[in-house]
N, C-alpha and C. Protein backbone atom coordinates (compact mmCIF):
# COMPACT_ATOMS: atom_id res chain seq x y z
N MET A 1 116.73 96.77 152.07
CA MET A 1 117.17 95.46 152.52
C MET A 1 116.14 94.41 152.14
N ARG A 2 116.60 93.26 151.69
CA ARG A 2 115.70 92.17 151.32
C ARG A 2 115.83 91.06 152.34
N HIS A 3 114.71 90.56 152.82
CA HIS A 3 114.68 89.44 153.76
C HIS A 3 113.97 88.27 153.09
N ILE A 4 114.62 87.13 153.09
CA ILE A 4 114.06 85.92 152.47
C ILE A 4 114.14 84.78 153.48
N ILE A 5 113.03 84.07 153.59
CA ILE A 5 112.98 82.86 154.40
C ILE A 5 112.67 81.71 153.45
N GLU A 6 113.46 80.64 153.56
CA GLU A 6 113.22 79.46 152.75
C GLU A 6 112.96 78.26 153.66
N VAL A 7 112.02 77.45 153.25
CA VAL A 7 111.80 76.14 153.86
C VAL A 7 111.92 75.17 152.70
N ASN A 8 113.03 74.45 152.64
CA ASN A 8 113.35 73.62 151.47
C ASN A 8 113.36 72.14 151.80
N GLY A 9 113.05 71.36 150.79
CA GLY A 9 113.14 69.91 150.91
C GLY A 9 112.06 69.28 151.76
N ILE A 10 110.87 69.86 151.75
CA ILE A 10 109.75 69.26 152.48
C ILE A 10 109.36 67.98 151.73
N LYS A 11 109.59 66.86 152.35
CA LYS A 11 109.34 65.57 151.70
C LYS A 11 107.93 65.08 152.01
N CYS A 12 107.23 64.72 150.94
CA CYS A 12 105.85 64.25 151.10
C CYS A 12 105.63 63.01 150.24
N TYR A 13 104.82 62.13 150.72
CA TYR A 13 104.31 61.03 149.91
C TYR A 13 102.85 61.37 149.67
N ALA A 14 102.48 61.51 148.38
CA ALA A 14 101.14 62.00 148.08
C ALA A 14 100.56 61.25 146.88
N HIS A 15 99.29 61.46 146.66
CA HIS A 15 98.53 60.74 145.63
C HIS A 15 98.02 61.70 144.56
N HIS A 16 98.96 62.23 143.77
CA HIS A 16 98.61 63.17 142.69
C HIS A 16 98.92 62.53 141.35
N GLY A 17 98.10 62.82 140.36
CA GLY A 17 98.37 62.35 139.01
C GLY A 17 97.10 62.10 138.24
N CYS A 18 97.26 62.08 136.92
CA CYS A 18 96.12 61.85 136.03
C CYS A 18 95.85 60.36 135.82
N LEU A 19 96.87 59.54 136.03
CA LEU A 19 96.69 58.10 135.85
C LEU A 19 96.12 57.47 137.11
N PRO A 20 95.20 56.52 136.95
CA PRO A 20 94.58 55.89 138.13
C PRO A 20 95.60 55.29 139.10
N GLU A 21 96.67 54.70 138.56
CA GLU A 21 97.67 54.08 139.45
C GLU A 21 98.43 55.13 140.27
N GLU A 22 98.56 56.34 139.73
CA GLU A 22 99.24 57.41 140.48
C GLU A 22 98.45 57.78 141.72
N THR A 23 97.14 57.90 141.55
CA THR A 23 96.31 58.27 142.70
C THR A 23 96.13 57.10 143.66
N ALA A 24 96.20 55.89 143.15
CA ALA A 24 96.06 54.71 144.02
C ALA A 24 97.35 54.41 144.77
N ILE A 25 98.47 54.41 144.05
CA ILE A 25 99.76 54.03 144.65
C ILE A 25 100.46 55.21 145.31
N GLY A 26 100.39 56.36 144.69
CA GLY A 26 101.06 57.56 145.22
C GLY A 26 102.50 57.64 144.77
N GLY A 27 103.16 58.70 145.20
CA GLY A 27 104.54 58.91 144.82
C GLY A 27 105.23 59.90 145.75
N HIS A 28 106.52 60.06 145.53
CA HIS A 28 107.33 60.94 146.35
C HIS A 28 107.44 62.33 145.73
N TYR A 29 107.37 63.34 146.59
CA TYR A 29 107.44 64.74 146.19
C TYR A 29 108.37 65.49 147.12
N ILE A 30 108.94 66.56 146.59
CA ILE A 30 109.74 67.48 147.41
C ILE A 30 109.23 68.89 147.12
N VAL A 31 108.98 69.64 148.18
CA VAL A 31 108.45 70.99 148.05
C VAL A 31 109.44 71.98 148.66
N ASP A 32 109.72 73.05 147.90
CA ASP A 32 110.56 74.15 148.38
C ASP A 32 109.72 75.41 148.42
N ILE A 33 109.86 76.17 149.50
CA ILE A 33 109.11 77.42 149.69
C ILE A 33 110.11 78.55 149.91
N GLU A 34 109.93 79.63 149.17
CA GLU A 34 110.73 80.85 149.37
C GLU A 34 109.77 82.00 149.61
N MET A 35 109.99 82.73 150.72
CA MET A 35 109.10 83.83 151.09
C MET A 35 109.91 85.10 151.32
N HIS A 36 109.56 86.14 150.61
CA HIS A 36 110.17 87.45 150.83
C HIS A 36 109.28 88.17 151.83
N THR A 37 109.91 88.73 152.85
CA THR A 37 109.18 89.36 153.94
C THR A 37 110.09 90.40 154.59
N ASN A 38 109.64 90.98 155.66
CA ASN A 38 110.48 91.90 156.42
C ASN A 38 110.56 91.36 157.84
N PHE A 39 111.73 90.83 158.20
CA PHE A 39 111.88 90.31 159.56
C PHE A 39 112.85 91.14 160.39
N SER A 40 112.89 92.44 160.12
CA SER A 40 113.78 93.34 160.86
C SER A 40 113.51 93.33 162.36
N ILE A 41 112.23 93.40 162.73
CA ILE A 41 111.88 93.44 164.15
C ILE A 41 112.25 92.12 164.81
N ALA A 42 111.95 91.01 164.14
CA ALA A 42 112.29 89.69 164.70
C ALA A 42 113.79 89.55 164.89
N ALA A 43 114.57 90.04 163.93
CA ALA A 43 116.03 89.95 164.02
C ALA A 43 116.56 90.80 165.17
N ARG A 44 115.96 91.98 165.33
CA ARG A 44 116.41 92.90 166.38
C ARG A 44 115.98 92.42 167.77
N GLU A 45 114.74 91.93 167.88
CA GLU A 45 114.17 91.61 169.19
C GLU A 45 114.17 90.12 169.52
N ASP A 46 114.63 89.28 168.59
CA ASP A 46 114.66 87.84 168.82
C ASP A 46 113.26 87.33 169.17
N ASP A 47 112.27 87.70 168.33
CA ASP A 47 110.86 87.44 168.61
C ASP A 47 110.21 86.68 167.46
N LEU A 48 109.86 85.43 167.69
CA LEU A 48 109.26 84.58 166.66
C LEU A 48 107.96 85.16 166.13
N SER A 49 107.21 85.84 166.96
CA SER A 49 105.91 86.37 166.50
C SER A 49 106.07 87.49 165.46
N GLN A 50 107.29 87.97 165.26
CA GLN A 50 107.54 89.04 164.30
C GLN A 50 108.12 88.53 162.98
N THR A 51 108.03 87.23 162.77
CA THR A 51 108.53 86.64 161.53
C THR A 51 107.64 85.48 161.13
N ILE A 52 108.03 84.76 160.11
CA ILE A 52 107.27 83.61 159.62
C ILE A 52 107.75 82.36 160.34
N ASP A 53 106.81 81.64 160.90
CA ASP A 53 107.11 80.42 161.65
C ASP A 53 107.24 79.25 160.67
N TYR A 54 108.42 78.63 160.63
CA TYR A 54 108.68 77.52 159.71
C TYR A 54 107.74 76.35 159.96
N VAL A 55 107.35 76.16 161.21
CA VAL A 55 106.45 75.06 161.55
C VAL A 55 105.11 75.24 160.84
N LYS A 56 104.58 76.47 160.82
CA LYS A 56 103.32 76.74 160.12
C LYS A 56 103.45 76.48 158.63
N VAL A 57 104.57 76.89 158.06
CA VAL A 57 104.80 76.68 156.62
C VAL A 57 104.78 75.19 156.32
N ASN A 58 105.50 74.41 157.09
CA ASN A 58 105.55 72.97 156.88
C ASN A 58 104.17 72.34 157.02
N LYS A 59 103.41 72.73 158.04
CA LYS A 59 102.07 72.17 158.26
C LYS A 59 101.14 72.47 157.09
N ILE A 60 101.22 73.69 156.55
CA ILE A 60 100.37 74.07 155.41
C ILE A 60 100.73 73.23 154.20
N VAL A 61 102.01 73.10 153.91
CA VAL A 61 102.43 72.30 152.76
C VAL A 61 101.98 70.85 152.90
N VAL A 62 102.23 70.26 154.04
CA VAL A 62 101.85 68.86 154.27
C VAL A 62 100.34 68.68 154.14
N ALA A 63 99.56 69.61 154.67
CA ALA A 63 98.10 69.52 154.60
C ALA A 63 97.61 69.58 153.15
N GLU A 64 98.14 70.50 152.38
CA GLU A 64 97.71 70.64 150.98
C GLU A 64 98.19 69.48 150.12
N MET A 65 99.40 68.98 150.39
CA MET A 65 99.91 67.83 149.62
C MET A 65 99.11 66.57 149.91
N ALA A 66 98.44 66.50 151.05
CA ALA A 66 97.65 65.32 151.43
C ALA A 66 96.33 65.24 150.67
N ILE A 67 95.92 66.31 150.01
CA ILE A 67 94.66 66.33 149.26
C ILE A 67 94.96 65.91 147.83
N PRO A 68 94.48 64.73 147.38
CA PRO A 68 94.78 64.26 146.03
C PRO A 68 94.28 65.21 144.94
N SER A 69 95.12 65.39 143.93
CA SER A 69 94.78 66.21 142.77
C SER A 69 95.34 65.56 141.52
N LYS A 70 94.76 65.87 140.40
CA LYS A 70 95.29 65.36 139.13
C LYS A 70 96.61 66.04 138.78
N LEU A 71 96.69 67.34 139.04
CA LEU A 71 97.84 68.13 138.60
C LEU A 71 98.59 68.74 139.79
N ILE A 72 99.92 68.68 139.73
CA ILE A 72 100.70 69.35 140.77
C ILE A 72 100.60 70.87 140.62
N GLU A 73 100.22 71.33 139.45
CA GLU A 73 99.96 72.75 139.26
C GLU A 73 98.83 73.21 140.18
N HIS A 74 97.81 72.37 140.30
CA HIS A 74 96.66 72.67 141.16
C HIS A 74 97.08 72.66 142.63
N VAL A 75 97.87 71.68 143.00
CA VAL A 75 98.35 71.59 144.38
C VAL A 75 99.21 72.81 144.71
N GLY A 76 100.07 73.19 143.78
CA GLY A 76 100.93 74.36 143.99
C GLY A 76 100.13 75.62 144.23
N GLN A 77 99.07 75.82 143.46
CA GLN A 77 98.25 77.02 143.64
C GLN A 77 97.52 76.99 144.97
N ARG A 78 97.08 75.81 145.41
CA ARG A 78 96.45 75.70 146.73
C ARG A 78 97.44 76.06 147.83
N ILE A 79 98.69 75.61 147.69
CA ILE A 79 99.71 75.94 148.68
C ILE A 79 99.94 77.44 148.72
N VAL A 80 100.07 78.07 147.55
CA VAL A 80 100.23 79.53 147.48
C VAL A 80 99.08 80.23 148.18
N ASN A 81 97.87 79.85 147.83
CA ASN A 81 96.68 80.51 148.41
C ASN A 81 96.63 80.35 149.92
N HIS A 82 96.94 79.15 150.40
CA HIS A 82 96.87 78.88 151.84
C HIS A 82 97.96 79.65 152.59
N LEU A 83 99.19 79.65 152.06
CA LEU A 83 100.27 80.39 152.71
C LEU A 83 99.94 81.89 152.78
N LYS A 84 99.46 82.45 151.67
CA LYS A 84 99.14 83.87 151.65
C LYS A 84 97.98 84.22 152.59
N ALA A 85 97.04 83.30 152.74
CA ALA A 85 95.91 83.54 153.63
C ALA A 85 96.31 83.49 155.10
N GLU A 86 97.27 82.65 155.43
CA GLU A 86 97.69 82.46 156.82
C GLU A 86 98.84 83.37 157.25
N LEU A 87 99.73 83.68 156.32
CA LEU A 87 100.95 84.41 156.66
C LEU A 87 100.93 85.76 155.93
N HIS A 88 100.39 86.75 156.58
CA HIS A 88 100.10 88.03 155.94
C HIS A 88 101.32 88.90 155.66
N THR A 89 102.47 88.53 156.17
CA THR A 89 103.67 89.36 155.95
C THR A 89 104.46 88.94 154.71
N ILE A 90 103.96 87.96 153.98
CA ILE A 90 104.65 87.53 152.75
C ILE A 90 104.46 88.60 151.68
N GLU A 91 105.57 89.09 151.15
CA GLU A 91 105.54 90.09 150.08
C GLU A 91 105.67 89.43 148.70
N LEU A 92 106.47 88.40 148.62
CA LEU A 92 106.66 87.63 147.39
C LEU A 92 106.82 86.18 147.80
N LEU A 93 106.23 85.28 147.02
CA LEU A 93 106.21 83.88 147.38
C LEU A 93 106.60 83.04 146.17
N ARG A 94 107.43 82.03 146.41
CA ARG A 94 107.83 81.09 145.36
C ARG A 94 107.63 79.68 145.91
N VAL A 95 106.84 78.89 145.19
CA VAL A 95 106.56 77.50 145.57
C VAL A 95 107.04 76.60 144.44
N LYS A 96 107.84 75.61 144.79
CA LYS A 96 108.32 74.63 143.81
C LYS A 96 107.92 73.25 144.31
N ILE A 97 107.24 72.49 143.44
CA ILE A 97 106.89 71.11 143.74
C ILE A 97 107.61 70.22 142.74
N VAL A 98 108.36 69.27 143.26
CA VAL A 98 109.10 68.32 142.44
C VAL A 98 108.45 66.95 142.60
N LYS A 99 108.08 66.35 141.48
CA LYS A 99 107.53 64.99 141.48
C LYS A 99 108.65 64.05 141.05
N LEU A 100 109.05 63.17 141.95
CA LEU A 100 110.15 62.25 141.67
C LEU A 100 109.67 61.05 140.85
N SER A 101 110.50 60.62 139.92
CA SER A 101 110.24 59.43 139.09
C SER A 101 108.83 59.43 138.49
N PRO A 102 108.49 60.44 137.69
CA PRO A 102 107.15 60.50 137.11
C PRO A 102 106.96 59.39 136.06
N PRO A 103 105.75 58.85 135.95
CA PRO A 103 105.49 57.79 134.98
C PRO A 103 105.23 58.37 133.59
N ILE A 104 106.30 58.78 132.90
CA ILE A 104 106.10 59.42 131.59
C ILE A 104 106.79 58.66 130.46
N ASN A 105 106.98 57.35 130.64
CA ASN A 105 107.57 56.50 129.61
C ASN A 105 108.91 57.02 129.12
N GLY A 106 109.77 57.38 130.05
CA GLY A 106 111.10 57.84 129.72
C GLY A 106 111.98 57.81 130.95
N ASP A 107 113.28 57.99 130.73
CA ASP A 107 114.24 57.99 131.83
C ASP A 107 114.36 59.42 132.37
N VAL A 108 113.49 59.77 133.29
CA VAL A 108 113.41 61.13 133.83
C VAL A 108 113.47 61.06 135.36
N ASP A 109 114.37 61.84 135.94
CA ASP A 109 114.48 61.87 137.40
C ASP A 109 113.26 62.50 138.06
N ASN A 110 112.83 63.65 137.50
CA ASN A 110 111.71 64.36 138.11
C ASN A 110 111.12 65.37 137.15
N VAL A 111 109.95 65.84 137.51
CA VAL A 111 109.32 66.99 136.86
C VAL A 111 108.99 67.97 137.98
N ALA A 112 108.86 69.23 137.63
CA ALA A 112 108.60 70.23 138.67
C ALA A 112 107.75 71.37 138.12
N ILE A 113 107.04 72.00 139.03
CA ILE A 113 106.34 73.25 138.71
C ILE A 113 106.84 74.31 139.70
N ILE A 114 106.82 75.54 139.23
CA ILE A 114 107.19 76.68 140.08
C ILE A 114 106.12 77.75 139.92
N ILE A 115 105.66 78.26 141.04
CA ILE A 115 104.72 79.38 141.03
C ILE A 115 105.35 80.51 141.82
N GLU A 116 105.39 81.69 141.22
CA GLU A 116 105.89 82.89 141.91
C GLU A 116 104.76 83.93 141.92
N GLU A 117 104.45 84.41 143.10
CA GLU A 117 103.42 85.45 143.23
C GLU A 117 103.90 86.50 144.20
């Protein structure tokens, strides 16, 4: 049996980018988290302590997104590392960061990175 928990659409305003105006002005981001785990006990016993707490996931993402970085790739890896350090029952993790309206001299809705570990 496969158990997956997703926390999707975490909206953040953050200051990431290589251009000075990106770090000064900031921009909008959306983060999706997918975690493979085993929540059989939590499902059977209705016990939050036996599964992944969505509140913790959101707090970790928001905390890491608040630290300015040049690359969203760097931010994504920090989120992966922090989630794995705090939530020991994660078997497989997928982090997606979407940067809305990137300043790339073109008509582009967004750019995104995905890390799977």
